[in-house]
Amino acid sequence: MFEKDLKIGFLLDFYGDVLSERKRTVLDYYYNDDLSLSEIAEELGVSRQAVRELIGKASDELRFLEDKLGLAARFEQTQKCAQHLLSLLDEEKTVGSEVRQAAEELAQAVR
């Protein structure tokens, strides 16, 4: 059975522009538009097997890029740190407004 790896949809946001237009389109249909393999095949005029292979190759490319560059992992880590910082600032009521504003800007930047 061919199961969706939802992390690929996340990686597509980071590295999608590196993929060929065809691979990016197929992944976009599959992960963002939630089309089935058959629906994508019909849209592109190819077989289901061709769509499945494109998804596999494109997913492998995205995983390779993430393994080498780690941008998505760093983004997630930065996002967690920003949220943790904001929660700490919420607990501490005497923090200066400049510090709070900087923390909120950081949290906004990583959303």
PDB file of N, CA and C in Angstrom:
ATOM      1  N   MET A   1       0.855  -1.199   0.000  1.00  0.00           N
ATOM      2  CA  MET A   1       0.000   0.000   0.000  1.00  0.00           C
ATOM      3  C   MET A   1       0.883   1.239   0.000  1.00  0.00           C
ATOM      4  N   PHE A   2       0.483   2.205  -0.739  1.00  0.00           N
ATOM      5  CA  PHE A   2       1.207   3.469  -0.875  1.00  0.00           C
ATOM      6  C   PHE A   2       0.610   4.451   0.115  1.00  0.00           C
ATOM      7  N   GLU A   3       1.361   4.779   1.188  1.00  0.00           N
ATOM      8  CA  GLU A   3       0.851   5.683   2.212  1.00  0.00           C
ATOM      9  C   GLU A   3       1.507   7.049   2.094  1.00  0.00           C
ATOM     10  N   LYS A   4       0.749   8.065   2.417  1.00  0.00           N
ATOM     11  CA  LYS A   4       1.271   9.426   2.363  1.00  0.00           C
ATOM     12  C   LYS A   4       2.179   9.700   3.550  1.00  0.00           C
ATOM     13  N   ASP A   5       3.333  10.257   3.259  1.00  0.00           N
ATOM     14  CA  ASP A   5       4.245  10.741   4.286  1.00  0.00           C
ATOM     15  C   ASP A   5       4.005  12.245   4.362  1.00  0.00           C
ATOM     16  N   LEU A   6       3.245  12.676   5.348  1.00  0.00           N
ATOM     17  CA  LEU A   6       2.829  14.079   5.414  1.00  0.00           C
ATOM     18  C   LEU A   6       4.002  15.033   5.611  1.00  0.00           C
ATOM     19  N   LYS A   7       5.136  14.518   6.051  1.00  0.00           N
ATOM     20  CA  LYS A   7       6.322  15.372   6.172  1.00  0.00           C
ATOM     21  C   LYS A   7       6.754  15.874   4.793  1.00  0.00           C
ATOM     22  N   ILE A   8       6.466  15.108   3.747  1.00  0.00           N
ATOM     23  CA  ILE A   8       6.828  15.516   2.385  1.00  0.00           C
ATOM     24  C   ILE A   8       6.100  16.808   2.024  1.00  0.00           C
ATOM     25  N   GLY A   9       4.854  16.941   2.416  1.00  0.00           N
ATOM     26  CA  GLY A   9       4.118  18.183   2.170  1.00  0.00           C
ATOM     27  C   GLY A   9       4.796  19.372   2.828  1.00  0.00           C
ATOM     28  N   PHE A  10       5.332  19.143   4.021  1.00  0.00           N
ATOM     29  CA  PHE A  10       6.063  20.184   4.739  1.00  0.00           C
ATOM     30  C   PHE A  10       7.367  20.519   4.015  1.00  0.00           C
ATOM     31  N   LEU A  11       8.093  19.479   3.595  1.00  0.00           N
ATOM     32  CA  LEU A  11       9.352  19.693   2.878  1.00  0.00           C
ATOM     33  C   LEU A  11       9.122  20.371   1.533  1.00  0.00           C
ATOM     34  N   LEU A  12       7.977  20.117   0.936  1.00  0.00           N
ATOM     35  CA  LEU A  12       7.639  20.752  -0.339  1.00  0.00           C
ATOM     36  C   LEU A  12       7.603  22.273  -0.178  1.00  0.00           C
ATOM     37  N   ASP A  13       7.146  22.740   0.952  1.00  0.00           N
ATOM     38  CA  ASP A  13       7.126  24.185   1.212  1.00  0.00           C
ATOM     39  C   ASP A  13       8.536  24.770   1.220  1.00  0.00           C
ATOM     40  N   PHE A  14       9.502  24.009   1.724  1.00  0.00           N
ATOM     41  CA  PHE A  14      10.875  24.504   1.823  1.00  0.00           C
ATOM     42  C   PHE A  14      11.658  24.359   0.532  1.00  0.00           C
ATOM     43  N   TYR A  15      11.519  23.216  -0.103  1.00  0.00           N
ATOM     44  CA  TYR A  15      12.400  22.889  -1.223  1.00  0.00           C
ATOM     45  C   TYR A  15      11.675  22.730  -2.556  1.00  0.00           C
ATOM     46  N   GLY A  16      10.409  23.017  -2.600  1.00  0.00           N
ATOM     47  CA  GLY A  16       9.625  22.789  -3.813  1.00  0.00           C
ATOM     48  C   GLY A  16      10.171  23.482  -5.047  1.00  0.00           C
ATOM     49  N   ASP A  17      10.729  24.660  -4.877  1.00  0.00           N
ATOM     50  CA  ASP A  17      11.246  25.408  -6.032  1.00  0.00           C
ATOM     51  C   ASP A  17      12.469  24.749  -6.661  1.00  0.00           C
ATOM     52  N   VAL A  18      13.099  23.842  -5.953  1.00  0.00           N
ATOM     53  CA  VAL A  18      14.272  23.147  -6.484  1.00  0.00           C
ATOM     54  C   VAL A  18      13.850  22.014  -7.430  1.00  0.00           C
ATOM     55  N   LEU A  19      12.660  21.480  -7.213  1.00  0.00           N
ATOM     56  CA  LEU A  19      12.162  20.385  -8.043  1.00  0.00           C
ATOM     57  C   LEU A  19      11.781  20.873  -9.437  1.00  0.00           C
ATOM     58  N   SER A  20      11.735  19.926 -10.366  1.00  0.00           N
ATOM     59  CA  SER A  20      11.228  20.275 -11.693  1.00  0.00           C
ATOM     60  C   SER A  20       9.750  20.646 -11.558  1.00  0.00           C
ATOM     61  N   GLU A  21       9.256  21.386 -12.521  1.00  0.00           N
ATOM     62  CA  GLU A  21       7.856  21.822 -12.459  1.00  0.00           C
ATOM     63  C   GLU A  21       6.907  20.631 -12.393  1.00  0.00           C
ATOM     64  N   ARG A  22       7.208  19.596 -13.156  1.00  0.00           N
ATOM     65  CA  ARG A  22       6.348  18.415 -13.192  1.00  0.00           C
ATOM     66  C   ARG A  22       6.305  17.719 -11.829  1.00  0.00           C
ATOM     67  N   LYS A  23       7.462  17.522 -11.207  1.00  0.00           N
ATOM     68  CA  LYS A  23       7.501  16.882  -9.892  1.00  0.00           C
ATOM     69  C   LYS A  23       6.800  17.734  -8.847  1.00  0.00           C
ATOM     70  N   ARG A  24       7.044  19.036  -8.907  1.00  0.00           N
ATOM     71  CA  ARG A  24       6.408  19.949  -7.946  1.00  0.00           C
ATOM     72  C   ARG A  24       4.892  19.914  -8.111  1.00  0.00           C
ATOM     73  N   THR A  25       4.428  19.901  -9.355  1.00  0.00           N
ATOM     74  CA  THR A  25       2.990  19.867  -9.625  1.00  0.00           C
ATOM     75  C   THR A  25       2.361  18.591  -9.090  1.00  0.00           C
ATOM     76  N   VAL A  26       3.014  17.452  -9.352  1.00  0.00           N
ATOM     77  CA  VAL A  26       2.476  16.174  -8.891  1.00  0.00           C
ATOM     78  C   VAL A  26       2.401  16.146  -7.365  1.00  0.00           C
ATOM     79  N   LEU A  27       3.460  16.579  -6.691  1.00  0.00           N
ATOM     80  CA  LEU A  27       3.433  16.597  -5.232  1.00  0.00           C
ATOM     81  C   LEU A  27       2.386  17.571  -4.704  1.00  0.00           C
ATOM     82  N   ASP A  28       2.242  18.702  -5.364  1.00  0.00           N
ATOM     83  CA  ASP A  28       1.234  19.681  -4.956  1.00  0.00           C
ATOM     84  C   ASP A  28      -0.168  19.089  -5.080  1.00  0.00           C
ATOM     85  N   TYR A  29      -0.438  18.435  -6.190  1.00  0.00           N
ATOM     86  CA  TYR A  29      -1.740  17.773  -6.357  1.00  0.00           C
ATOM     87  C   TYR A  29      -1.968  16.729  -5.271  1.00  0.00           C
ATOM     88  N   TYR A  30      -0.944  15.946  -5.003  1.00  0.00           N
ATOM     89  CA  TYR A  30      -1.086  14.816  -4.085  1.00  0.00           C
ATOM     90  C   TYR A  30      -1.187  15.258  -2.629  1.00  0.00           C
ATOM     91  N   TYR A  31      -0.318  16.161  -2.207  1.00  0.00           N
ATOM     92  CA  TYR A  31      -0.276  16.540  -0.793  1.00  0.00           C
ATOM     93  C   TYR A  31      -1.144  17.745  -0.454  1.00  0.00           C
ATOM     94  N   ASN A  32      -1.169  18.747  -1.304  1.00  0.00           N
ATOM     95  CA  ASN A  32      -1.922  19.963  -0.977  1.00  0.00           C
ATOM     96  C   ASN A  32      -3.362  19.920  -1.465  1.00  0.00           C
ATOM     97  N   ASP A  33      -3.574  19.361  -2.665  1.00  0.00           N
ATOM     98  CA  ASP A  33      -4.935  19.289  -3.201  1.00  0.00           C
ATOM     99  C   ASP A  33      -5.614  17.971  -2.860  1.00  0.00           C
ATOM    100  N   ASP A  34      -4.869  17.029  -2.290  1.00  0.00           N
ATOM    101  CA  ASP A  34      -5.378  15.728  -1.848  1.00  0.00           C
ATOM    102  C   ASP A  34      -6.029  14.930  -2.983  1.00  0.00           C
ATOM    103  N   LEU A  35      -5.443  15.023  -4.170  1.00  0.00           N
ATOM    104  CA  LEU A  35      -5.946  14.226  -5.291  1.00  0.00           C
ATOM    105  C   LEU A  35      -5.382  12.813  -5.204  1.00  0.00           C
ATOM    106  N   SER A  36      -6.138  11.844  -5.704  1.00  0.00           N
ATOM    107  CA  SER A  36      -5.669  10.461  -5.733  1.00  0.00           C
ATOM    108  C   SER A  36      -4.694  10.277  -6.892  1.00  0.00           C
ATOM    109  N   LEU A  37      -4.000   9.143  -6.877  1.00  0.00           N
ATOM    110  CA  LEU A  37      -3.088   8.835  -7.978  1.00  0.00           C
ATOM    111  C   LEU A  37      -3.838   8.807  -9.303  1.00  0.00           C
ATOM    112  N   SER A  38      -5.032   8.227  -9.291  1.00  0.00           N
ATOM    113  CA  SER A  38      -5.841   8.155 -10.516  1.00  0.00           C
ATOM    114  C   SER A  38      -6.244   9.536 -11.012  1.00  0.00           C
ATOM    115  N   GLU A  39      -6.634  10.400 -10.106  1.00  0.00           N
ATOM    116  CA  GLU A  39      -7.034  11.754 -10.498  1.00  0.00           C
ATOM    117  C   GLU A  39      -5.848  12.529 -11.081  1.00  0.00           C
ATOM    118  N   ILE A  40      -4.684  12.372 -10.483  1.00  0.00           N
ATOM    119  CA  ILE A  40      -3.491  13.050 -10.992  1.00  0.00           C
ATOM    120  C   ILE A  40      -3.121  12.491 -12.358  1.00  0.00           C
ATOM    121  N   ALA A  41      -3.173  11.176 -12.485  1.00  0.00           N
ATOM    122  CA  ALA A  41      -2.852  10.528 -13.758  1.00  0.00           C
ATOM    123  C   ALA A  41      -3.776  11.026 -14.863  1.00  0.00           C
ATOM    124  N   GLU A  42      -5.041  11.134 -14.551  1.00  0.00           N
ATOM    125  CA  GLU A  42      -6.009  11.630 -15.537  1.00  0.00           C
ATOM    126  C   GLU A  42      -5.721  13.085 -15.898  1.00  0.00           C
ATOM    127  N   GLU A  43      -5.405  13.883 -14.907  1.00  0.00           N
ATOM    128  CA  GLU A  43      -5.110  15.308 -15.134  1.00  0.00           C
ATOM    129  C   GLU A  43      -3.883  15.489 -16.027  1.00  0.00           C
ATOM    130  N   LEU A  44      -2.874  14.649 -15.814  1.00  0.00           N
ATOM    131  CA  LEU A  44      -1.620  14.788 -16.554  1.00  0.00           C
ATOM    132  C   LEU A  44      -1.559  13.931 -17.818  1.00  0.00           C
ATOM    133  N   GLY A  45      -2.514  13.013 -17.970  1.00  0.00           N
ATOM    134  CA  GLY A  45      -2.520  12.149 -19.137  1.00  0.00           C
ATOM    135  C   GLY A  45      -1.440  11.086 -19.101  1.00  0.00           C
ATOM    136  N   VAL A  46      -1.167  10.570 -17.898  1.00  0.00           N
ATOM    137  CA  VAL A  46      -0.175   9.507 -17.727  1.00  0.00           C
ATOM    138  C   VAL A  46      -0.806   8.380 -16.914  1.00  0.00           C
ATOM    139  N   SER A  47      -0.063   7.312 -16.697  1.00  0.00           N
ATOM    140  CA  SER A  47      -0.571   6.182 -15.914  1.00  0.00           C
ATOM    141  C   SER A  47      -0.448   6.453 -14.416  1.00  0.00           C
ATOM    142  N   ARG A  48      -1.204   5.676 -13.639  1.00  0.00           N
ATOM    143  CA  ARG A  48      -1.093   5.769 -12.184  1.00  0.00           C
ATOM    144  C   ARG A  48       0.332   5.425 -11.738  1.00  0.00           C
ATOM    145  N   GLN A  49       0.922   4.437 -12.408  1.00  0.00           N
ATOM    146  CA  GLN A  49       2.280   4.013 -12.069  1.00  0.00           C
ATOM    147  C   GLN A  49       3.276   5.154 -12.289  1.00  0.00           C
ATOM    148  N   ALA A  50       3.091   5.901 -13.363  1.00  0.00           N
ATOM    149  CA  ALA A  50       3.983   7.030 -13.634  1.00  0.00           C
ATOM    150  C   ALA A  50       3.862   8.083 -12.530  1.00  0.00           C
ATOM    151  N   VAL A  51       2.646   8.313 -12.084  1.00  0.00           N
ATOM    152  CA  VAL A  51       2.420   9.279 -10.996  1.00  0.00           C
ATOM    153  C   VAL A  51       3.083   8.775  -9.720  1.00  0.00           C
ATOM    154  N   ARG A  52       2.892   7.507  -9.430  1.00  0.00           N
ATOM    155  CA  ARG A  52       3.478   6.916  -8.226  1.00  0.00           C
ATOM    156  C   ARG A  52       5.004   7.041  -8.253  1.00  0.00           C
ATOM    157  N   GLU A  53       5.610   6.764  -9.391  1.00  0.00           N
ATOM    158  CA  GLU A  53       7.063   6.871  -9.521  1.00  0.00           C
ATOM    159  C   GLU A  53       7.538   8.314  -9.378  1.00  0.00           C
ATOM    160  N   LEU A  54       6.787   9.250  -9.956  1.00  0.00           N
ATOM    161  CA  LEU A  54       7.145  10.669  -9.817  1.00  0.00           C
ATOM    162  C   LEU A  54       7.089  11.111  -8.356  1.00  0.00           C
ATOM    163  N   ILE A  55       6.055  10.680  -7.666  1.00  0.00           N
ATOM    164  CA  ILE A  55       5.926  11.026  -6.245  1.00  0.00           C
ATOM    165  C   ILE A  55       7.101  10.449  -5.466  1.00  0.00           C
ATOM    166  N   GLY A  56       7.460   9.204  -5.762  1.00  0.00           N
ATOM    167  CA  GLY A  56       8.586   8.572  -5.080  1.00  0.00           C
ATOM    168  C   GLY A  56       9.903   9.286  -5.334  1.00  0.00           C
ATOM    169  N   LYS A  57      10.176   9.605  -6.598  1.00  0.00           N
ATOM    170  CA  LYS A  57      11.427  10.286  -6.951  1.00  0.00           C
ATOM    171  C   LYS A  57      11.488  11.687  -6.348  1.00  0.00           C
ATOM    172  N   ALA A  58      10.389  12.411  -6.448  1.00  0.00           N
ATOM    173  CA  ALA A  58      10.357  13.769  -5.912  1.00  0.00           C
ATOM    174  C   ALA A  58      10.490  13.748  -4.388  1.00  0.00           C
ATOM    175  N   SER A  59       9.848  12.795  -3.745  1.00  0.00           N
ATOM    176  CA  SER A  59       9.947  12.666  -2.286  1.00  0.00           C
ATOM    177  C   SER A  59      11.380  12.350  -1.868  1.00  0.00           C
ATOM    178  N   ASP A  60      12.017  11.475  -2.618  1.00  0.00           N
ATOM    179  CA  ASP A  60      13.422  11.154  -2.334  1.00  0.00           C
ATOM    180  C   ASP A  60      14.307  12.394  -2.467  1.00  0.00           C
ATOM    181  N   GLU A  61      14.049  13.205  -3.491  1.00  0.00           N
ATOM    182  CA  GLU A  61      14.822  14.446  -3.664  1.00  0.00           C
ATOM    183  C   GLU A  61      14.640  15.376  -2.478  1.00  0.00           C
ATOM    184  N   LEU A  62      13.387  15.517  -2.022  1.00  0.00           N
ATOM    185  CA  LEU A  62      13.119  16.406  -0.892  1.00  0.00           C
ATOM    186  C   LEU A  62      13.801  15.897   0.379  1.00  0.00           C
ATOM    187  N   ARG A  63      13.739  14.593   0.602  1.00  0.00           N
ATOM    188  CA  ARG A  63      14.404  14.019   1.777  1.00  0.00           C
ATOM    189  C   ARG A  63      15.925  14.222   1.703  1.00  0.00           C
ATOM    190  N   PHE A  64      16.486  14.054   0.511  1.00  0.00           N
ATOM    191  CA  PHE A  64      17.923  14.263   0.323  1.00  0.00           C
ATOM    192  C   PHE A  64      18.302  15.706   0.665  1.00  0.00           C
ATOM    193  N   LEU A  65      17.525  16.653   0.151  1.00  0.00           N
ATOM    194  CA  LEU A  65      17.800  18.059   0.427  1.00  0.00           C
ATOM    195  C   LEU A  65      17.719  18.357   1.919  1.00  0.00           C
ATOM    196  N   GLU A  66      16.713  17.798   2.571  1.00  0.00           N
ATOM    197  CA  GLU A  66      16.569  18.031   4.012  1.00  0.00           C
ATOM    198  C   GLU A  66      17.719  17.387   4.781  1.00  0.00           C
ATOM    199  N   ASP A  67      18.142  16.197   4.356  1.00  0.00           N
ATOM    200  CA  ASP A  67      19.284  15.548   5.014  1.00  0.00           C
ATOM    201  C   ASP A  67      20.540  16.398   4.898  1.00  0.00           C
ATOM    202  N   LYS A  68      20.746  17.010   3.749  1.00  0.00           N
ATOM    203  CA  LYS A  68      21.964  17.795   3.517  1.00  0.00           C
ATOM    204  C   LYS A  68      21.881  19.204   4.101  1.00  0.00           C
ATOM    205  N   LEU A  69      20.716  19.835   3.986  1.00  0.00           N
ATOM    206  CA  LEU A  69      20.592  21.242   4.392  1.00  0.00           C
ATOM    207  C   LEU A  69      19.929  21.434   5.762  1.00  0.00           C
ATOM    208  N   GLY A  70      18.956  20.630   6.075  1.00  0.00           N
ATOM    209  CA  GLY A  70      18.293  20.700   7.370  1.00  0.00           C
ATOM    210  C   GLY A  70      17.482  21.952   7.630  1.00  0.00           C
ATOM    211  N   LEU A  71      17.018  22.622   6.580  1.00  0.00           N
ATOM    212  CA  LEU A  71      16.285  23.877   6.772  1.00  0.00           C
ATOM    213  C   LEU A  71      14.959  23.681   7.498  1.00  0.00           C
ATOM    214  N   ALA A  72      14.235  22.647   7.151  1.00  0.00           N
ATOM    215  CA  ALA A  72      12.931  22.414   7.778  1.00  0.00           C
ATOM    216  C   ALA A  72      13.097  22.086   9.261  1.00  0.00           C
ATOM    217  N   ALA A  73      14.096  21.278   9.586  1.00  0.00           N
ATOM    218  CA  ALA A  73      14.344  20.931  10.994  1.00  0.00           C
ATOM    219  C   ALA A  73      14.742  22.170  11.792  1.00  0.00           C
ATOM    220  N   ARG A  74      15.587  23.001  11.218  1.00  0.00           N
ATOM    221  CA  ARG A  74      15.983  24.243  11.905  1.00  0.00           C
ATOM    222  C   ARG A  74      14.788  25.169  12.092  1.00  0.00           C
ATOM    223  N   PHE A  75      13.928  25.232  11.093  1.00  0.00           N
ATOM    224  CA  PHE A  75      12.727  26.060  11.189  1.00  0.00           C
ATOM    225  C   PHE A  75      11.849  25.576  12.340  1.00  0.00           C
ATOM    226  N   GLU A  76      11.622  24.267  12.406  1.00  0.00           N
ATOM    227  CA  GLU A  76      10.792  23.716  13.478  1.00  0.00           C
ATOM    228  C   GLU A  76      11.413  23.992  14.848  1.00  0.00           C
ATOM    229  N   GLN A  77      12.718  23.851  14.946  1.00  0.00           N
ATOM    230  CA  GLN A  77      13.403  24.101  16.211  1.00  0.00           C
ATOM    231  C   GLN A  77      13.290  25.580  16.607  1.00  0.00           C
ATOM    232  N   THR A  78      13.463  26.469  15.651  1.00  0.00           N
ATOM    233  CA  THR A  78      13.346  27.906  15.924  1.00  0.00           C
ATOM    234  C   THR A  78      11.929  28.253  16.360  1.00  0.00           C
ATOM    235  N   GLN A  79      10.961  27.632  15.708  1.00  0.00           N
ATOM    236  CA  GLN A  79       9.559  27.865  16.061  1.00  0.00           C
ATOM    237  C   GLN A  79       9.283  27.427  17.500  1.00  0.00           C
ATOM    238  N   LYS A  80       9.781  26.261  17.891  1.00  0.00           N
ATOM    239  CA  LYS A  80       9.586  25.768  19.255  1.00  0.00           C
ATOM    240  C   LYS A  80      10.256  26.689  20.271  1.00  0.00           C
ATOM    241  N   CYS A  81      11.456  27.141  19.938  1.00  0.00           N
ATOM    242  CA  CYS A  81      12.183  28.043  20.848  1.00  0.00           C
ATOM    243  C   CYS A  81      11.440  29.365  21.022  1.00  0.00           C
ATOM    244  N   ALA A  82      10.916  29.897  19.940  1.00  0.00           N
ATOM    245  CA  ALA A  82      10.173  31.158  20.003  1.00  0.00           C
ATOM    246  C   ALA A  82       8.928  30.994  20.867  1.00  0.00           C
ATOM    247  N   GLN A  83       8.220  29.893  20.711  1.00  0.00           N
ATOM    248  CA  GLN A  83       7.020  29.660  21.519  1.00  0.00           C
ATOM    249  C   GLN A  83       7.381  29.461  22.992  1.00  0.00           C
ATOM    250  N   HIS A  84       8.474  28.768  23.237  1.00  0.00           N
ATOM    251  CA  HIS A  84       8.928  28.566  24.619  1.00  0.00           C
ATOM    252  C   HIS A  84       9.307  29.906  25.253  1.00  0.00           C
ATOM    253  N   LEU A  85      10.020  30.735  24.508  1.00  0.00           N
ATOM    254  CA  LEU A  85      10.402  32.058  24.999  1.00  0.00           C
ATOM    255  C   LEU A  85       9.164  32.892  25.334  1.00  0.00           C
ATOM    256  N   LEU A  86       8.175  32.865  24.461  1.00  0.00           N
ATOM    257  CA  LEU A  86       6.943  33.617  24.732  1.00  0.00           C
ATOM    258  C   LEU A  86       6.221  33.088  25.966  1.00  0.00           C
ATOM    259  N   SER A  87       6.203  31.774  26.137  1.00  0.00           N
ATOM    260  CA  SER A  87       5.530  31.228  27.321  1.00  0.00           C
ATOM    261  C   SER A  87       6.275  31.618  28.595  1.00  0.00           C
ATOM    262  N   LEU A  88       7.603  31.649  28.546  1.00  0.00           N
ATOM    263  CA  LEU A  88       8.375  32.102  29.706  1.00  0.00           C
ATOM    264  C   LEU A  88       8.115  33.573  29.999  1.00  0.00           C
ATOM    265  N   LEU A  89       8.008  34.363  28.944  1.00  0.00           N
ATOM    266  CA  LEU A  89       7.742  35.790  29.138  1.00  0.00           C
ATOM    267  C   LEU A  89       6.345  36.026  29.695  1.00  0.00           C
ATOM    268  N   ASP A  90       5.406  35.159  29.334  1.00  0.00           N
ATOM    269  CA  ASP A  90       4.057  35.277  29.890  1.00  0.00           C
ATOM    270  C   ASP A  90       4.051  35.012  31.392  1.00  0.00           C
ATOM    271  N   GLU A  91       4.922  34.109  31.833  1.00  0.00           N
ATOM    272  CA  GLU A  91       5.022  33.800  33.261  1.00  0.00           C
ATOM    273  C   GLU A  91       5.696  34.927  34.031  1.00  0.00           C
ATOM    274  N   GLU A  92       6.645  35.585  33.407  1.00  0.00           N
ATOM    275  CA  GLU A  92       7.404  36.657  34.057  1.00  0.00           C
ATOM    276  C   GLU A  92       6.770  37.996  33.690  1.00  0.00           C
ATOM    277  N   LYS A  93       6.091  38.602  34.622  1.00  0.00           N
ATOM    278  CA  LYS A  93       5.319  39.817  34.341  1.00  0.00           C
ATOM    279  C   LYS A  93       6.178  41.079  34.325  1.00  0.00           C
ATOM    280  N   THR A  94       7.390  41.029  34.864  1.00  0.00           N
ATOM    281  CA  THR A  94       8.199  42.247  34.984  1.00  0.00           C
ATOM    282  C   THR A  94       9.184  42.441  33.834  1.00  0.00           C
ATOM    283  N   VAL A  95       9.074  41.656  32.785  1.00  0.00           N
ATOM    284  CA  VAL A  95       9.993  41.766  31.648  1.00  0.00           C
ATOM    285  C   VAL A  95       9.723  43.062  30.900  1.00  0.00           C
ATOM    286  N   GLY A  96      10.809  43.716  30.474  1.00  0.00           N
ATOM    287  CA  GLY A  96      10.670  44.964  29.743  1.00  0.00           C
ATOM    288  C   GLY A  96       9.920  44.785  28.428  1.00  0.00           C
ATOM    289  N   SER A  97       9.286  45.849  27.999  1.00  0.00           N
ATOM    290  CA  SER A  97       8.476  45.776  26.778  1.00  0.00           C
ATOM    291  C   SER A  97       9.331  45.517  25.537  1.00  0.00           C
ATOM    292  N   GLU A  98      10.574  45.963  25.531  1.00  0.00           N
ATOM    293  CA  GLU A  98      11.447  45.727  24.380  1.00  0.00           C
ATOM    294  C   GLU A  98      11.758  44.242  24.212  1.00  0.00           C
ATOM    295  N   VAL A  99      11.979  43.557  25.325  1.00  0.00           N
ATOM    296  CA  VAL A  99      12.263  42.129  25.281  1.00  0.00           C
ATOM    297  C   VAL A  99      11.034  41.371  24.795  1.00  0.00           C
ATOM    298  N   ARG A 100       9.879  41.726  25.328  1.00  0.00           N
ATOM    299  CA  ARG A 100       8.639  41.073  24.914  1.00  0.00           C
ATOM    300  C   ARG A 100       8.383  41.320  23.431  1.00  0.00           C
ATOM    301  N   GLN A 101       8.589  42.530  22.966  1.00  0.00           N
ATOM    302  CA  GLN A 101       8.368  42.861  21.560  1.00  0.00           C
ATOM    303  C   GLN A 101       9.317  42.064  20.661  1.00  0.00           C
ATOM    304  N   ALA A 102      10.565  41.926  21.086  1.00  0.00           N
ATOM    305  CA  ALA A 102      11.539  41.153  20.308  1.00  0.00           C
ATOM    306  C   ALA A 102      11.127  39.680  20.230  1.00  0.00           C
ATOM    307  N   ALA A 103      10.642  39.147  21.337  1.00  0.00           N
ATOM    308  CA  ALA A 103      10.193  37.750  21.350  1.00  0.00           C
ATOM    309  C   ALA A 103       8.981  37.558  20.451  1.00  0.00           C
ATOM    310  N   GLU A 104       8.065  38.507  20.474  1.00  0.00           N
ATOM    311  CA  GLU A 104       6.887  38.417  19.614  1.00  0.00           C
ATOM    312  C   GLU A 104       7.261  38.536  18.137  1.00  0.00           C
ATOM    313  N   GLU A 105       8.225  39.382  17.833  1.00  0.00           N
ATOM    314  CA  GLU A 105       8.699  39.504  16.456  1.00  0.00           C
ATOM    315  C   GLU A 105       9.349  38.209  15.967  1.00  0.00           C
ATOM    316  N   LEU A 106      10.117  37.583  16.862  1.00  0.00           N
ATOM    317  CA  LEU A 106      10.723  36.290  16.518  1.00  0.00           C
ATOM    318  C   LEU A 106       9.649  35.250  16.239  1.00  0.00           C
ATOM    319  N   ALA A 107       8.657  35.184  17.102  1.00  0.00           N
ATOM    320  CA  ALA A 107       7.575  34.219  16.913  1.00  0.00           C
ATOM    321  C   ALA A 107       6.821  34.488  15.616  1.00  0.00           C
ATOM    322  N   GLN A 108       6.601  35.742  15.300  1.00  0.00           N
ATOM    323  CA  GLN A 108       5.919  36.117  14.051  1.00  0.00           C
ATOM    324  C   GLN A 108       6.755  35.717  12.839  1.00  0.00           C
ATOM    325  N   ALA A 109       8.058  35.892  12.931  1.00  0.00           N
ATOM    326  CA  ALA A 109       8.949  35.612  11.807  1.00  0.00           C
ATOM    327  C   ALA A 109       8.989  34.139  11.440  1.00  0.00           C
ATOM    328  N   VAL A 110       8.779  33.267  12.418  1.00  0.00           N
ATOM    329  CA  VAL A 110       8.874  31.838  12.141  1.00  0.00           C
ATOM    330  C   VAL A 110       7.515  31.167  11.952  1.00  0.00           C
ATOM    331  N   ARG A 111       6.482  31.928  11.847  1.00  0.00           N
ATOM    332  CA  ARG A 111       5.158  31.322  11.587  1.00  0.00           C
ATOM    333  C   ARG A 111       4.959  31.096  10.135  1.00  0.00           C
TER     334      ARG A 111
END
